[in-house]
Amino acid sequence: MQKITRKKVKAFLEGTWRKGCMNHWYSKWLVRRHIKEQYLYRFVKAKPECHQKGHCISCGCKMPAVLLANKPCRVNCYGPMLDKKQWKKFKDTNMLDINKIKRKYEKR
């Protein structure tokens, strides 16, 4: 069993709150677009075993809420949550097509 820390509690609350907000019709006002896009990106980058088991195989956090926390993946599937400017730069640098990522997300 892993040690409970403030950092882990904060990440749990971030991910759980954002996931809850995304399940409602008013999510476009509560969860910013760059956060939603990063969620989709993280979802398709996460290991298939994590999706199958319903939790991250590295940290044990519940999927998909862990994908909405600000923390990076411990086994480098994805980095930390970026702010709007950083995310735009990341997308441009890596030539990410959000529509292509959405299609991959919808297939899973």
N, C-alpha and C. Protein backbone atom coordinates (compact mmCIF):
# COMPACT_ATOMS: atom_id res chain seq x y z
N MET A 1 0.84 -1.18 0.00
CA MET A 1 0.00 0.00 0.00
C MET A 1 0.89 1.25 0.00
N GLN A 2 0.50 2.21 -0.82
CA GLN A 2 1.30 3.41 -0.96
C GLN A 2 0.99 4.41 0.15
N LYS A 3 1.99 5.20 0.47
CA LYS A 3 1.85 6.23 1.49
C LYS A 3 0.96 7.37 0.98
N ILE A 4 0.06 7.83 1.82
CA ILE A 4 -0.81 8.95 1.47
C ILE A 4 -0.09 10.25 1.80
N THR A 5 0.02 11.12 0.78
CA THR A 5 0.68 12.41 0.96
C THR A 5 -0.27 13.52 0.52
N ARG A 6 0.05 14.74 0.90
CA ARG A 6 -0.76 15.90 0.46
C ARG A 6 -0.78 16.02 -1.05
N LYS A 7 0.36 15.77 -1.66
CA LYS A 7 0.48 15.86 -3.11
C LYS A 7 -0.45 14.85 -3.80
N LYS A 8 -0.50 13.64 -3.27
CA LYS A 8 -1.37 12.60 -3.84
C LYS A 8 -2.84 12.92 -3.61
N VAL A 9 -3.16 13.47 -2.44
CA VAL A 9 -4.54 13.85 -2.15
C VAL A 9 -4.97 14.97 -3.09
N LYS A 10 -4.08 15.95 -3.29
CA LYS A 10 -4.38 17.07 -4.20
C LYS A 10 -4.64 16.55 -5.61
N ALA A 11 -3.79 15.66 -6.10
CA ALA A 11 -3.96 15.09 -7.43
C ALA A 11 -5.27 14.31 -7.53
N PHE A 12 -5.61 13.56 -6.50
CA PHE A 12 -6.87 12.81 -6.48
C PHE A 12 -8.06 13.77 -6.57
N LEU A 13 -8.04 14.82 -5.78
CA LEU A 13 -9.14 15.78 -5.78
C LEU A 13 -9.25 16.51 -7.12
N GLU A 14 -8.12 16.91 -7.70
CA GLU A 14 -8.13 17.57 -9.01
C GLU A 14 -8.78 16.67 -10.06
N GLY A 15 -8.28 15.47 -10.16
CA GLY A 15 -8.78 14.55 -11.17
C GLY A 15 -10.23 14.18 -10.97
N THR A 16 -10.61 13.91 -9.74
CA THR A 16 -11.99 13.52 -9.46
C THR A 16 -12.95 14.67 -9.72
N TRP A 17 -12.57 15.89 -9.30
CA TRP A 17 -13.43 17.05 -9.51
C TRP A 17 -13.60 17.33 -11.00
N ARG A 18 -12.48 17.35 -11.73
CA ARG A 18 -12.56 17.63 -13.17
C ARG A 18 -13.35 16.56 -13.90
N LYS A 19 -13.15 15.29 -13.54
CA LYS A 19 -13.90 14.21 -14.19
C LYS A 19 -15.39 14.36 -13.94
N GLY A 20 -15.75 14.70 -12.70
CA GLY A 20 -17.15 14.93 -12.38
C GLY A 20 -17.73 16.08 -13.19
N CYS A 21 -16.97 17.13 -13.33
CA CYS A 21 -17.42 18.30 -14.11
C CYS A 21 -17.59 17.96 -15.58
N MET A 22 -16.73 17.12 -16.11
CA MET A 22 -16.81 16.77 -17.54
C MET A 22 -18.03 15.92 -17.86
N ASN A 23 -18.64 15.33 -16.86
CA ASN A 23 -19.81 14.49 -17.08
C ASN A 23 -21.11 15.27 -17.11
N HIS A 24 -21.05 16.59 -17.02
CA HIS A 24 -22.26 17.41 -16.99
C HIS A 24 -22.33 18.31 -18.21
N TRP A 25 -23.54 18.70 -18.55
CA TRP A 25 -23.76 19.54 -19.73
C TRP A 25 -23.06 20.88 -19.62
N TYR A 26 -22.80 21.36 -18.43
CA TYR A 26 -22.16 22.67 -18.26
C TYR A 26 -20.64 22.56 -18.18
N SER A 27 -20.09 21.44 -18.61
CA SER A 27 -18.64 21.22 -18.50
C SER A 27 -17.83 22.24 -19.29
N LYS A 28 -18.40 22.76 -20.38
CA LYS A 28 -17.61 23.70 -21.18
C LYS A 28 -17.29 24.98 -20.42
N TRP A 29 -18.05 25.26 -19.36
CA TRP A 29 -17.77 26.43 -18.54
C TRP A 29 -16.87 26.10 -17.34
N LEU A 30 -16.83 24.86 -16.95
CA LEU A 30 -16.07 24.48 -15.75
C LEU A 30 -14.67 23.92 -16.05
N VAL A 31 -14.54 23.24 -17.16
CA VAL A 31 -13.25 22.64 -17.51
C VAL A 31 -12.77 23.31 -18.80
N ARG A 32 -11.65 23.99 -18.70
CA ARG A 32 -11.13 24.73 -19.84
C ARG A 32 -10.73 23.82 -20.99
N ARG A 33 -10.82 24.38 -22.19
CA ARG A 33 -10.58 23.62 -23.41
C ARG A 33 -9.20 22.96 -23.42
N HIS A 34 -8.16 23.67 -23.01
CA HIS A 34 -6.82 23.08 -23.05
C HIS A 34 -6.68 21.91 -22.07
N ILE A 35 -7.47 21.91 -21.00
CA ILE A 35 -7.48 20.78 -20.06
C ILE A 35 -8.19 19.59 -20.70
N LYS A 36 -9.31 19.84 -21.36
CA LYS A 36 -10.04 18.76 -22.04
C LYS A 36 -9.19 18.13 -23.14
N GLU A 37 -8.49 18.98 -23.90
CA GLU A 37 -7.63 18.44 -24.96
C GLU A 37 -6.50 17.59 -24.39
N GLN A 38 -5.92 18.02 -23.28
CA GLN A 38 -4.85 17.25 -22.67
C GLN A 38 -5.38 15.94 -22.10
N TYR A 39 -6.62 15.96 -21.61
CA TYR A 39 -7.25 14.72 -21.14
C TYR A 39 -7.34 13.72 -22.28
N LEU A 40 -7.81 14.18 -23.45
CA LEU A 40 -7.92 13.29 -24.61
C LEU A 40 -6.55 12.75 -25.01
N TYR A 41 -5.56 13.64 -25.03
CA TYR A 41 -4.20 13.25 -25.37
C TYR A 41 -3.67 12.21 -24.38
N ARG A 42 -3.85 12.47 -23.10
CA ARG A 42 -3.39 11.54 -22.07
C ARG A 42 -4.12 10.21 -22.16
N PHE A 43 -5.41 10.27 -22.47
CA PHE A 43 -6.22 9.06 -22.58
C PHE A 43 -5.65 8.12 -23.65
N VAL A 44 -5.31 8.68 -24.81
CA VAL A 44 -4.79 7.83 -25.89
C VAL A 44 -3.33 7.43 -25.65
N LYS A 45 -2.59 8.19 -24.83
CA LYS A 45 -1.19 7.88 -24.53
C LYS A 45 -1.04 6.87 -23.38
N ALA A 46 -2.03 6.76 -22.53
CA ALA A 46 -1.95 5.86 -21.37
C ALA A 46 -1.84 4.41 -21.83
N LYS A 47 -1.21 3.61 -21.02
CA LYS A 47 -1.01 2.19 -21.34
C LYS A 47 -2.37 1.47 -21.40
N PRO A 48 -2.55 0.57 -22.36
CA PRO A 48 -3.80 -0.19 -22.47
C PRO A 48 -4.14 -0.96 -21.18
N GLU A 49 -3.09 -1.44 -20.48
CA GLU A 49 -3.34 -2.20 -19.23
C GLU A 49 -4.04 -1.33 -18.19
N CYS A 50 -3.70 -0.04 -18.18
CA CYS A 50 -4.32 0.88 -17.21
C CYS A 50 -5.82 0.99 -17.50
N HIS A 51 -6.16 1.10 -18.79
CA HIS A 51 -7.58 1.19 -19.17
C HIS A 51 -8.30 -0.11 -18.82
N GLN A 52 -7.66 -1.23 -19.11
CA GLN A 52 -8.28 -2.53 -18.86
C GLN A 52 -8.53 -2.78 -17.38
N LYS A 53 -7.57 -2.39 -16.55
CA LYS A 53 -7.68 -2.64 -15.10
C LYS A 53 -8.52 -1.59 -14.38
N GLY A 54 -8.71 -0.42 -15.02
CA GLY A 54 -9.50 0.63 -14.39
C GLY A 54 -8.71 1.51 -13.43
N HIS A 55 -7.39 1.30 -13.40
CA HIS A 55 -6.52 2.13 -12.56
C HIS A 55 -5.12 2.12 -13.17
N CYS A 56 -4.35 3.14 -12.82
CA CYS A 56 -2.98 3.24 -13.32
C CYS A 56 -2.16 2.10 -12.71
N ILE A 57 -1.45 1.37 -13.56
CA ILE A 57 -0.65 0.25 -13.05
C ILE A 57 0.59 0.73 -12.31
N SER A 58 0.94 2.00 -12.48
CA SER A 58 2.11 2.55 -11.81
C SER A 58 1.77 3.11 -10.43
N CYS A 59 0.76 3.99 -10.38
CA CYS A 59 0.47 4.66 -9.11
C CYS A 59 -0.79 4.13 -8.41
N GLY A 60 -1.63 3.40 -9.13
CA GLY A 60 -2.83 2.84 -8.54
C GLY A 60 -4.03 3.76 -8.56
N CYS A 61 -3.87 4.98 -9.10
CA CYS A 61 -4.99 5.93 -9.16
C CYS A 61 -6.04 5.45 -10.15
N LYS A 62 -7.29 5.80 -9.88
CA LYS A 62 -8.40 5.37 -10.73
C LYS A 62 -8.36 6.05 -12.09
N MET A 63 -8.64 5.26 -13.10
CA MET A 63 -8.77 5.77 -14.46
C MET A 63 -10.25 6.09 -14.65
N PRO A 64 -10.63 7.08 -15.36
CA PRO A 64 -9.80 8.03 -16.07
C PRO A 64 -9.50 9.31 -15.28
N ALA A 65 -9.94 9.39 -14.03
CA ALA A 65 -9.72 10.62 -13.25
C ALA A 65 -8.25 11.00 -13.12
N VAL A 66 -7.36 10.01 -13.04
CA VAL A 66 -5.93 10.30 -12.91
C VAL A 66 -5.42 11.10 -14.12
N LEU A 67 -6.06 10.94 -15.25
CA LEU A 67 -5.65 11.65 -16.46
C LEU A 67 -5.97 13.14 -16.40
N LEU A 68 -6.83 13.53 -15.48
CA LEU A 68 -7.21 14.94 -15.33
C LEU A 68 -6.46 15.64 -14.21
N ALA A 69 -5.65 14.93 -13.48
CA ALA A 69 -4.84 15.55 -12.42
C ALA A 69 -3.66 16.28 -13.05
N ASN A 70 -3.12 17.24 -12.34
CA ASN A 70 -2.00 18.01 -12.87
C ASN A 70 -0.69 17.24 -12.92
N LYS A 71 -0.61 16.15 -12.17
CA LYS A 71 0.66 15.40 -12.07
C LYS A 71 0.96 14.63 -13.35
N PRO A 72 2.26 14.41 -13.62
CA PRO A 72 2.63 13.59 -14.77
C PRO A 72 2.52 12.10 -14.42
N CYS A 73 2.53 11.28 -15.44
CA CYS A 73 2.55 9.84 -15.25
C CYS A 73 3.91 9.43 -14.71
N ARG A 74 3.94 8.51 -13.76
CA ARG A 74 5.20 8.06 -13.16
C ARG A 74 6.05 7.24 -14.11
N VAL A 75 5.43 6.63 -15.12
CA VAL A 75 6.19 5.83 -16.08
C VAL A 75 6.25 6.52 -17.46
N ASN A 76 6.10 7.81 -17.46
CA ASN A 76 6.29 8.67 -18.64
C ASN A 76 5.34 8.44 -19.80
N CYS A 77 4.11 8.06 -19.54
CA CYS A 77 3.12 8.00 -20.63
C CYS A 77 2.78 9.42 -21.08
N TYR A 78 2.77 10.36 -20.15
CA TYR A 78 2.46 11.77 -20.43
C TYR A 78 3.09 12.62 -19.35
N GLY A 79 3.27 13.90 -19.68
CA GLY A 79 3.90 14.83 -18.75
C GLY A 79 2.88 15.53 -17.86
N PRO A 80 3.33 16.57 -17.15
CA PRO A 80 2.41 17.31 -16.27
C PRO A 80 1.39 18.09 -17.09
N MET A 81 0.28 18.45 -16.48
CA MET A 81 -0.74 19.26 -17.13
C MET A 81 -0.13 20.63 -17.42
N LEU A 82 -0.33 21.10 -18.63
CA LEU A 82 0.25 22.36 -19.07
C LEU A 82 -0.78 23.49 -19.05
N ASP A 83 -0.29 24.72 -18.90
CA ASP A 83 -1.22 25.85 -19.00
C ASP A 83 -1.53 26.08 -20.48
N LYS A 84 -2.43 27.00 -20.76
CA LYS A 84 -2.92 27.21 -22.12
C LYS A 84 -1.79 27.51 -23.12
N LYS A 85 -0.87 28.40 -22.74
CA LYS A 85 0.24 28.78 -23.62
C LYS A 85 1.18 27.60 -23.86
N GLN A 86 1.53 26.91 -22.78
CA GLN A 86 2.44 25.76 -22.89
C GLN A 86 1.82 24.67 -23.76
N TRP A 87 0.51 24.44 -23.59
CA TRP A 87 -0.19 23.40 -24.35
C TRP A 87 -0.18 23.74 -25.84
N LYS A 88 -0.45 24.99 -26.18
CA LYS A 88 -0.43 25.41 -27.59
C LYS A 88 0.95 25.17 -28.18
N LYS A 89 1.99 25.55 -27.45
CA LYS A 89 3.36 25.35 -27.92
C LYS A 89 3.66 23.85 -28.09
N PHE A 90 3.22 23.03 -27.12
CA PHE A 90 3.42 21.58 -27.19
C PHE A 90 2.73 21.00 -28.42
N LYS A 91 1.49 21.42 -28.67
CA LYS A 91 0.75 20.93 -29.84
C LYS A 91 1.45 21.33 -31.13
N ASP A 92 1.90 22.59 -31.21
CA ASP A 92 2.58 23.07 -32.42
C ASP A 92 3.91 22.35 -32.63
N THR A 93 4.70 22.21 -31.56
CA THR A 93 6.01 21.57 -31.65
C THR A 93 5.89 20.11 -32.07
N ASN A 94 4.88 19.41 -31.52
CA ASN A 94 4.70 17.98 -31.80
C ASN A 94 3.70 17.71 -32.93
N MET A 95 3.23 18.78 -33.56
CA MET A 95 2.27 18.69 -34.68
C MET A 95 1.07 17.79 -34.33
N LEU A 96 0.49 18.05 -33.17
CA LEU A 96 -0.66 17.25 -32.73
C LEU A 96 -1.93 17.74 -33.41
N ASP A 97 -2.72 16.82 -33.88
CA ASP A 97 -4.02 17.11 -34.48
C ASP A 97 -5.09 16.65 -33.49
N ILE A 98 -5.74 17.61 -32.84
CA ILE A 98 -6.73 17.27 -31.81
C ILE A 98 -7.87 16.45 -32.38
N ASN A 99 -8.29 16.71 -33.61
CA ASN A 99 -9.37 15.93 -34.22
C ASN A 99 -8.97 14.47 -34.39
N LYS A 100 -7.72 14.24 -34.74
CA LYS A 100 -7.21 12.86 -34.87
C LYS A 100 -7.19 12.18 -33.50
N ILE A 101 -6.78 12.92 -32.48
CA ILE A 101 -6.76 12.39 -31.11
C ILE A 101 -8.17 12.07 -30.65
N LYS A 102 -9.14 12.94 -30.97
CA LYS A 102 -10.55 12.69 -30.61
C LYS A 102 -11.05 11.40 -31.24
N ARG A 103 -10.68 11.17 -32.49
CA ARG A 103 -11.12 9.94 -33.16
C ARG A 103 -10.53 8.70 -32.47
N LYS A 104 -9.25 8.77 -32.08
CA LYS A 104 -8.63 7.65 -31.35
C LYS A 104 -9.34 7.44 -30.01
N TYR A 105 -9.66 8.52 -29.34
CA TYR A 105 -10.36 8.47 -28.06
C TYR A 105 -11.71 7.77 -28.21
N GLU A 106 -12.43 8.14 -29.25
CA GLU A 106 -13.77 7.57 -29.47
C GLU A 106 -13.72 6.10 -29.83
N LYS A 107 -12.60 5.61 -30.39
CA LYS A 107 -12.47 4.20 -30.75
C LYS A 107 -12.26 3.31 -29.53
N ARG A 108 -11.71 3.88 -28.45
CA ARG A 108 -11.43 3.07 -27.26
C ARG A 108 -12.64 2.85 -26.49
